Amino acid sequence: MRHIRLATLLLLAAVAGCSYTTTLSDADENGGTVNMVTQINKDSAVEKANEHCRGYNRVARITGTDRASNSLTFVCEAPQ
């Protein structure tokens, strides 16, 4: 029983180590950058950009991604 608990704890630690949380930087009413973007969480990063722009009654338009820095840049535009 003790081995099962240890194996479970090790598995949970490994999974937790693989998760990344995207963060915003240099973000204002004009746009910004979402950091720590991977192929796995790209949809989450786009939603984070949209959520940010909604605060200014705007929508996000993705202007670029950079794999080297794991970032996604966006601008906030008036909805059409």
PDB file of N, CA and C in Angstrom:
ATOM      1  N   MET A   1       0.822  -1.198   0.000  1.00  0.00           N
ATOM      2  CA  MET A   1       0.000   0.000   0.000  1.00  0.00           C
ATOM      3  C   MET A   1       0.863   1.257   0.000  1.00  0.00           C
ATOM      4  N   ARG A   2       1.953   1.219   0.729  1.00  0.00           N
ATOM      5  CA  ARG A   2       2.833   2.383   0.801  1.00  0.00           C
ATOM      6  C   ARG A   2       3.457   2.689  -0.565  1.00  0.00           C
ATOM      7  N   HIS A   3       3.771   1.638  -1.331  1.00  0.00           N
ATOM      8  CA  HIS A   3       4.360   1.819  -2.667  1.00  0.00           C
ATOM      9  C   HIS A   3       3.358   2.482  -3.618  1.00  0.00           C
ATOM     10  N   ILE A   4       2.099   2.151  -3.464  1.00  0.00           N
ATOM     11  CA  ILE A   4       1.066   2.743  -4.317  1.00  0.00           C
ATOM     12  C   ILE A   4       0.943   4.240  -4.026  1.00  0.00           C
ATOM     13  N   ARG A   5       0.982   4.602  -2.773  1.00  0.00           N
ATOM     14  CA  ARG A   5       0.914   6.020  -2.408  1.00  0.00           C
ATOM     15  C   ARG A   5       2.108   6.788  -2.946  1.00  0.00           C
ATOM     16  N   LEU A   6       3.280   6.199  -2.809  1.00  0.00           N
ATOM     17  CA  LEU A   6       4.497   6.849  -3.294  1.00  0.00           C
ATOM     18  C   LEU A   6       4.440   7.008  -4.809  1.00  0.00           C
ATOM     19  N   ALA A   7       4.012   5.986  -5.509  1.00  0.00           N
ATOM     20  CA  ALA A   7       3.906   6.050  -6.964  1.00  0.00           C
ATOM     21  C   ALA A   7       2.900   7.121  -7.382  1.00  0.00           C
ATOM     22  N   THR A   8       1.805   7.211  -6.662  1.00  0.00           N
ATOM     23  CA  THR A   8       0.793   8.224  -6.970  1.00  0.00           C
ATOM     24  C   THR A   8       1.348   9.625  -6.756  1.00  0.00           C
ATOM     25  N   LEU A   9       2.050   9.836  -5.669  1.00  0.00           N
ATOM     26  CA  LEU A   9       2.644  11.149  -5.394  1.00  0.00           C
ATOM     27  C   LEU A   9       3.678  11.525  -6.450  1.00  0.00           C
ATOM     28  N   LEU A  10       4.491  10.572  -6.871  1.00  0.00           N
ATOM     29  CA  LEU A  10       5.486  10.847  -7.894  1.00  0.00           C
ATOM     30  C   LEU A  10       4.826  11.182  -9.230  1.00  0.00           C
ATOM     31  N   LEU A  11       3.760  10.487  -9.559  1.00  0.00           N
ATOM     32  CA  LEU A  11       3.033  10.767 -10.796  1.00  0.00           C
ATOM     33  C   LEU A  11       2.420  12.160 -10.767  1.00  0.00           C
ATOM     34  N   LEU A  12       1.806  12.525  -9.654  1.00  0.00           N
ATOM     35  CA  LEU A  12       1.213  13.858  -9.526  1.00  0.00           C
ATOM     36  C   LEU A  12       2.279  14.956  -9.616  1.00  0.00           C
ATOM     37  N   ALA A  13       3.430  14.726  -9.032  1.00  0.00           N
ATOM     38  CA  ALA A  13       4.513  15.705  -9.094  1.00  0.00           C
ATOM     39  C   ALA A  13       5.012  15.865 -10.528  1.00  0.00           C
ATOM     40  N   ALA A  14       5.097  14.771 -11.261  1.00  0.00           N
ATOM     41  CA  ALA A  14       5.549  14.837 -12.653  1.00  0.00           C
ATOM     42  C   ALA A  14       4.553  15.595 -13.513  1.00  0.00           C
ATOM     43  N   VAL A  15       3.274  15.335 -13.326  1.00  0.00           N
ATOM     44  CA  VAL A  15       2.244  16.024 -14.098  1.00  0.00           C
ATOM     45  C   VAL A  15       2.226  17.506 -13.756  1.00  0.00           C
ATOM     46  N   ALA A  16       2.357  17.847 -12.504  1.00  0.00           N
ATOM     47  CA  ALA A  16       2.356  19.249 -12.089  1.00  0.00           C
ATOM     48  C   ALA A  16       3.559  19.982 -12.672  1.00  0.00           C
ATOM     49  N   GLY A  17       4.674  19.313 -12.799  1.00  0.00           N
ATOM     50  CA  GLY A  17       5.864  19.925 -13.371  1.00  0.00           C
ATOM     51  C   GLY A  17       5.732  20.218 -14.848  1.00  0.00           C
ATOM     52  N   CYS A  18       4.807  19.569 -15.515  1.00  0.00           N
ATOM     53  CA  CYS A  18       4.623  19.752 -16.951  1.00  0.00           C
ATOM     54  C   CYS A  18       3.601  20.840 -17.290  1.00  0.00           C
ATOM     55  N   SER A  19       2.910  21.345 -16.311  1.00  0.00           N
ATOM     56  CA  SER A  19       1.884  22.336 -16.607  1.00  0.00           C
ATOM     57  C   SER A  19       2.495  23.731 -16.585  1.00  0.00           C
ATOM     58  N   TYR A  20       2.057  24.553 -17.516  1.00  0.00           N
ATOM     59  CA  TYR A  20       2.539  25.919 -17.610  1.00  0.00           C
ATOM     60  C   TYR A  20       1.351  26.864 -17.557  1.00  0.00           C
ATOM     61  N   THR A  21       1.532  27.964 -16.900  1.00  0.00           N
ATOM     62  CA  THR A  21       0.503  28.983 -16.847  1.00  0.00           C
ATOM     63  C   THR A  21       0.976  30.157 -17.685  1.00  0.00           C
ATOM     64  N   THR A  22       0.141  30.569 -18.619  1.00  0.00           N
ATOM     65  CA  THR A  22       0.513  31.707 -19.448  1.00  0.00           C
ATOM     66  C   THR A  22       0.401  32.988 -18.626  1.00  0.00           C
ATOM     67  N   THR A  23       1.245  33.951 -18.960  1.00  0.00           N
ATOM     68  CA  THR A  23       1.232  35.235 -18.263  1.00  0.00           C
ATOM     69  C   THR A  23       1.237  36.357 -19.286  1.00  0.00           C
ATOM     70  N   LEU A  24       0.669  37.486 -18.916  1.00  0.00           N
ATOM     71  CA  LEU A  24       0.672  38.669 -19.774  1.00  0.00           C
ATOM     72  C   LEU A  24       1.832  39.579 -19.404  1.00  0.00           C
ATOM     73  N   SER A  25       2.417  40.227 -20.424  1.00  0.00           N
ATOM     74  CA  SER A  25       3.412  41.260 -20.154  1.00  0.00           C
ATOM     75  C   SER A  25       3.219  42.392 -21.153  1.00  0.00           C
ATOM     76  N   ASP A  26       3.611  43.572 -20.746  1.00  0.00           N
ATOM     77  CA  ASP A  26       3.485  44.764 -21.592  1.00  0.00           C
ATOM     78  C   ASP A  26       2.079  44.891 -22.172  1.00  0.00           C
ATOM     79  N   ALA A  27       1.067  44.544 -21.396  1.00  0.00           N
ATOM     80  CA  ALA A  27      -0.314  44.578 -21.882  1.00  0.00           C
ATOM     81  C   ALA A  27      -1.016  45.852 -21.442  1.00  0.00           C
ATOM     82  N   ASP A  28      -1.686  46.483 -22.407  1.00  0.00           N
ATOM     83  CA  ASP A  28      -2.504  47.656 -22.126  1.00  0.00           C
ATOM     84  C   ASP A  28      -3.689  47.651 -23.077  1.00  0.00           C
ATOM     85  N   GLU A  29      -4.356  48.790 -23.249  1.00  0.00           N
ATOM     86  CA  GLU A  29      -5.537  48.834 -24.101  1.00  0.00           C
ATOM     87  C   GLU A  29      -5.220  48.609 -25.580  1.00  0.00           C
ATOM     88  N   ASN A  30      -3.948  48.698 -25.940  1.00  0.00           N
ATOM     89  CA  ASN A  30      -3.547  48.511 -27.340  1.00  0.00           C
ATOM     90  C   ASN A  30      -3.157  47.073 -27.672  1.00  0.00           C
ATOM     91  N   GLY A  31      -2.856  46.269 -26.673  1.00  0.00           N
ATOM     92  CA  GLY A  31      -2.441  44.885 -26.905  1.00  0.00           C
ATOM     93  C   GLY A  31      -1.384  44.464 -25.911  1.00  0.00           C
ATOM     94  N   GLY A  32      -0.625  43.450 -26.280  1.00  0.00           N
ATOM     95  CA  GLY A  32       0.414  42.976 -25.385  1.00  0.00           C
ATOM     96  C   GLY A  32       1.009  41.668 -25.840  1.00  0.00           C
ATOM     97  N   THR A  33       1.606  40.958 -24.883  1.00  0.00           N
ATOM     98  CA  THR A  33       2.277  39.696 -25.141  1.00  0.00           C
ATOM     99  C   THR A  33       1.831  38.674 -24.107  1.00  0.00           C
ATOM    100  N   VAL A  34       1.534  37.472 -24.568  1.00  0.00           N
ATOM    101  CA  VAL A  34       1.266  36.352 -23.668  1.00  0.00           C
ATOM    102  C   VAL A  34       2.525  35.501 -23.668  1.00  0.00           C
ATOM    103  N   ASN A  35       3.070  35.233 -22.495  1.00  0.00           N
ATOM    104  CA  ASN A  35       4.301  34.461 -22.349  1.00  0.00           C
ATOM    105  C   ASN A  35       4.015  33.029 -21.934  1.00  0.00           C
ATOM    106  N   MET A  36       5.015  32.184 -22.075  1.00  0.00           N
ATOM    107  CA  MET A  36       4.974  30.767 -21.690  1.00  0.00           C
ATOM    108  C   MET A  36       3.922  30.008 -22.508  1.00  0.00           C
ATOM    109  N   VAL A  37       3.857  30.308 -23.807  1.00  0.00           N
ATOM    110  CA  VAL A  37       2.903  29.669 -24.704  1.00  0.00           C
ATOM    111  C   VAL A  37       3.553  28.450 -25.343  1.00  0.00           C
ATOM    112  N   THR A  38       2.853  27.334 -25.292  1.00  0.00           N
ATOM    113  CA  THR A  38       3.293  26.115 -25.961  1.00  0.00           C
ATOM    114  C   THR A  38       2.191  25.680 -26.915  1.00  0.00           C
ATOM    115  N   GLN A  39       2.479  24.701 -27.741  1.00  0.00           N
ATOM    116  CA  GLN A  39       1.462  24.197 -28.659  1.00  0.00           C
ATOM    117  C   GLN A  39       0.272  23.658 -27.871  1.00  0.00           C
ATOM    118  N   ILE A  40       0.532  23.113 -26.705  1.00  0.00           N
ATOM    119  CA  ILE A  40      -0.524  22.515 -25.883  1.00  0.00           C
ATOM    120  C   ILE A  40      -1.470  23.578 -25.332  1.00  0.00           C
ATOM    121  N   ASN A  41      -0.952  24.724 -24.919  1.00  0.00           N
ATOM    122  CA  ASN A  41      -1.810  25.730 -24.287  1.00  0.00           C
ATOM    123  C   ASN A  41      -2.044  26.963 -25.161  1.00  0.00           C
ATOM    124  N   LYS A  42      -1.856  26.835 -26.475  1.00  0.00           N
ATOM    125  CA  LYS A  42      -2.036  27.988 -27.367  1.00  0.00           C
ATOM    126  C   LYS A  42      -3.463  28.514 -27.325  1.00  0.00           C
ATOM    127  N   ASP A  43      -4.452  27.618 -27.293  1.00  0.00           N
ATOM    128  CA  ASP A  43      -5.847  28.070 -27.210  1.00  0.00           C
ATOM    129  C   ASP A  43      -6.087  28.873 -25.941  1.00  0.00           C
ATOM    130  N   SER A  44      -5.487  28.439 -24.850  1.00  0.00           N
ATOM    131  CA  SER A  44      -5.616  29.152 -23.582  1.00  0.00           C
ATOM    132  C   SER A  44      -4.969  30.538 -23.678  1.00  0.00           C
ATOM    133  N   ALA A  45      -3.861  30.630 -24.380  1.00  0.00           N
ATOM    134  CA  ALA A  45      -3.178  31.917 -24.545  1.00  0.00           C
ATOM    135  C   ALA A  45      -4.021  32.881 -25.373  1.00  0.00           C
ATOM    136  N   VAL A  46      -4.664  32.372 -26.420  1.00  0.00           N
ATOM    137  CA  VAL A  46      -5.540  33.213 -27.246  1.00  0.00           C
ATOM    138  C   VAL A  46      -6.725  33.699 -26.411  1.00  0.00           C
ATOM    139  N   GLU A  47      -7.272  32.815 -25.589  1.00  0.00           N
ATOM    140  CA  GLU A  47      -8.386  33.216 -24.721  1.00  0.00           C
ATOM    141  C   GLU A  47      -7.935  34.267 -23.703  1.00  0.00           C
ATOM    142  N   LYS A  48      -6.714  34.141 -23.202  1.00  0.00           N
ATOM    143  CA  LYS A  48      -6.195  35.137 -22.255  1.00  0.00           C
ATOM    144  C   LYS A  48      -6.087  36.501 -22.935  1.00  0.00           C
ATOM    145  N   ALA A  49      -5.651  36.525 -24.191  1.00  0.00           N
ATOM    146  CA  ALA A  49      -5.571  37.784 -24.940  1.00  0.00           C
ATOM    147  C   ALA A  49      -6.964  38.365 -25.148  1.00  0.00           C
ATOM    148  N   ASN A  50      -7.920  37.518 -25.524  1.00  0.00           N
ATOM    149  CA  ASN A  50      -9.297  37.990 -25.721  1.00  0.00           C
ATOM    150  C   ASN A  50      -9.894  38.516 -24.420  1.00  0.00           C
ATOM    151  N   GLU A  51      -9.645  37.820 -23.340  1.00  0.00           N
ATOM    152  CA  GLU A  51     -10.158  38.248 -22.031  1.00  0.00           C
ATOM    153  C   GLU A  51      -9.593  39.618 -21.664  1.00  0.00           C
ATOM    154  N   HIS A  52      -8.307  39.809 -21.917  1.00  0.00           N
ATOM    155  CA  HIS A  52      -7.669  41.092 -21.624  1.00  0.00           C
ATOM    156  C   HIS A  52      -8.326  42.213 -22.442  1.00  0.00           C
ATOM    157  N   CYS A  53      -8.489  41.984 -23.733  1.00  0.00           N
ATOM    158  CA  CYS A  53      -9.062  43.020 -24.611  1.00  0.00           C
ATOM    159  C   CYS A  53     -10.526  43.299 -24.291  1.00  0.00           C
ATOM    160  N   ARG A  54     -11.263  42.289 -23.858  1.00  0.00           N
ATOM    161  CA  ARG A  54     -12.667  42.507 -23.480  1.00  0.00           C
ATOM    162  C   ARG A  54     -12.788  43.540 -22.373  1.00  0.00           C
ATOM    163  N   GLY A  55     -11.789  43.632 -21.525  1.00  0.00           N
ATOM    164  CA  GLY A  55     -11.790  44.641 -20.470  1.00  0.00           C
ATOM    165  C   GLY A  55     -11.797  46.060 -21.013  1.00  0.00           C
ATOM    166  N   TYR A  56     -11.407  46.217 -22.268  1.00  0.00           N
ATOM    167  CA  TYR A  56     -11.399  47.525 -22.925  1.00  0.00           C
ATOM    168  C   TYR A  56     -12.472  47.588 -24.016  1.00  0.00           C
ATOM    169  N   ASN A  57     -13.436  46.661 -23.967  1.00  0.00           N
ATOM    170  CA  ASN A  57     -14.494  46.556 -24.977  1.00  0.00           C
ATOM    171  C   ASN A  57     -13.924  46.403 -26.380  1.00  0.00           C
ATOM    172  N   ARG A  58     -12.887  45.595 -26.473  1.00  0.00           N
ATOM    173  CA  ARG A  58     -12.216  45.325 -27.747  1.00  0.00           C
ATOM    174  C   ARG A  58     -12.048  43.819 -27.920  1.00  0.00           C
ATOM    175  N   VAL A  59     -11.570  43.431 -29.086  1.00  0.00           N
ATOM    176  CA  VAL A  59     -11.276  42.025 -29.361  1.00  0.00           C
ATOM    177  C   VAL A  59      -9.799  41.898 -29.726  1.00  0.00           C
ATOM    178  N   ALA A  60      -9.234  40.737 -29.424  1.00  0.00           N
ATOM    179  CA  ALA A  60      -7.816  40.513 -29.699  1.00  0.00           C
ATOM    180  C   ALA A  60      -7.623  40.022 -31.131  1.00  0.00           C
ATOM    181  N   ARG A  61      -6.579  40.523 -31.762  1.00  0.00           N
ATOM    182  CA  ARG A  61      -6.124  39.998 -33.044  1.00  0.00           C
ATOM    183  C   ARG A  61      -4.670  39.576 -32.852  1.00  0.00           C
ATOM    184  N   ILE A  62      -4.406  38.296 -33.077  1.00  0.00           N
ATOM    185  CA  ILE A  62      -3.061  37.766 -32.887  1.00  0.00           C
ATOM    186  C   ILE A  62      -2.184  38.281 -34.023  1.00  0.00           C
ATOM    187  N   THR A  63      -1.060  38.880 -33.664  1.00  0.00           N
ATOM    188  CA  THR A  63      -0.166  39.440 -34.670  1.00  0.00           C
ATOM    189  C   THR A  63       1.080  38.599 -34.880  1.00  0.00           C
ATOM    190  N   GLY A  64       1.354  37.685 -33.971  1.00  0.00           N
ATOM    191  CA  GLY A  64       2.526  36.837 -34.165  1.00  0.00           C
ATOM    192  C   GLY A  64       2.760  35.883 -33.014  1.00  0.00           C
ATOM    193  N   THR A  65       3.517  34.854 -33.314  1.00  0.00           N
ATOM    194  CA  THR A  65       3.972  33.919 -32.290  1.00  0.00           C
ATOM    195  C   THR A  65       5.468  33.739 -32.467  1.00  0.00           C
ATOM    196  N   ASP A  66       6.144  33.515 -31.373  1.00  0.00           N
ATOM    197  CA  ASP A  66       7.592  33.324 -31.407  1.00  0.00           C
ATOM    198  C   ASP A  66       7.928  32.063 -30.620  1.00  0.00           C
ATOM    199  N   ARG A  67       8.282  31.019 -31.333  1.00  0.00           N
ATOM    200  CA  ARG A  67       8.614  29.750 -30.667  1.00  0.00           C
ATOM    201  C   ARG A  67       9.862  29.858 -29.810  1.00  0.00           C
ATOM    202  N   ALA A  68      10.819  30.663 -30.236  1.00  0.00           N
ATOM    203  CA  ALA A  68      12.068  30.791 -29.484  1.00  0.00           C
ATOM    204  C   ALA A  68      11.823  31.337 -28.081  1.00  0.00           C
ATOM    205  N   SER A  69      10.893  32.293 -27.968  1.00  0.00           N
ATOM    206  CA  SER A  69      10.611  32.874 -26.651  1.00  0.00           C
ATOM    207  C   SER A  69       9.290  32.382 -26.072  1.00  0.00           C
ATOM    208  N   ASN A  70       8.624  31.441 -26.781  1.00  0.00           N
ATOM    209  CA  ASN A  70       7.329  30.903 -26.327  1.00  0.00           C
ATOM    210  C   ASN A  70       6.352  32.023 -26.022  1.00  0.00           C
ATOM    211  N   SER A  71       6.196  32.954 -26.969  1.00  0.00           N
ATOM    212  CA  SER A  71       5.297  34.084 -26.743  1.00  0.00           C
ATOM    213  C   SER A  71       4.346  34.271 -27.920  1.00  0.00           C
ATOM    214  N   LEU A  72       3.264  34.949 -27.620  1.00  0.00           N
ATOM    215  CA  LEU A  72       2.231  35.269 -28.601  1.00  0.00           C
ATOM    216  C   LEU A  72       1.918  36.753 -28.434  1.00  0.00           C
ATOM    217  N   THR A  73       2.000  37.520 -29.509  1.00  0.00           N
ATOM    218  CA  THR A  73       1.703  38.949 -29.426  1.00  0.00           C
ATOM    219  C   THR A  73       0.329  39.211 -30.036  1.00  0.00           C
ATOM    220  N   PHE A  74      -0.328  40.238 -29.531  1.00  0.00           N
ATOM    221  CA  PHE A  74      -1.676  40.565 -29.981  1.00  0.00           C
ATOM    222  C   PHE A  74      -1.932  42.055 -29.867  1.00  0.00           C
ATOM    223  N   VAL A  75      -2.893  42.516 -30.647  1.00  0.00           N
ATOM    224  CA  VAL A  75      -3.380  43.887 -30.533  1.00  0.00           C
ATOM    225  C   VAL A  75      -4.854  43.830 -30.173  1.00  0.00           C
ATOM    226  N   CYS A  76      -5.313  44.850 -29.471  1.00  0.00           N
ATOM    227  CA  CYS A  76      -6.726  44.975 -29.131  1.00  0.00           C
ATOM    228  C   CYS A  76      -7.369  45.939 -30.119  1.00  0.00           C
ATOM    229  N   GLU A  77      -8.426  45.481 -30.795  1.00  0.00           N
ATOM    230  CA  GLU A  77      -9.087  46.287 -31.795  1.00  0.00           C
ATOM    231  C   GLU A  77     -10.564  46.426 -31.473  1.00  0.00           C
ATOM    232  N   ALA A  78     -11.159  47.495 -32.000  1.00  0.00           N
ATOM    233  CA  ALA A  78     -12.597  47.685 -31.836  1.00  0.00           C
ATOM    234  C   ALA A  78     -13.335  46.572 -32.587  1.00  0.00           C
ATOM    235  N   PRO A  79     -14.394  46.023 -32.002  1.00  0.00           N
ATOM    236  CA  PRO A  79     -15.128  44.967 -32.703  1.00  0.00           C
ATOM    237  C   PRO A  79     -15.798  45.520 -33.962  1.00  0.00           C
ATOM    238  N   GLN A  80     -15.924  44.672 -34.959  1.00  0.00           N
ATOM    239  CA  GLN A  80     -16.517  45.118 -36.221  1.00  0.00           C
ATOM    240  C   GLN A  80     -17.946  44.672 -36.340  1.00  0.00           C
TER     241      GLN A  80
END
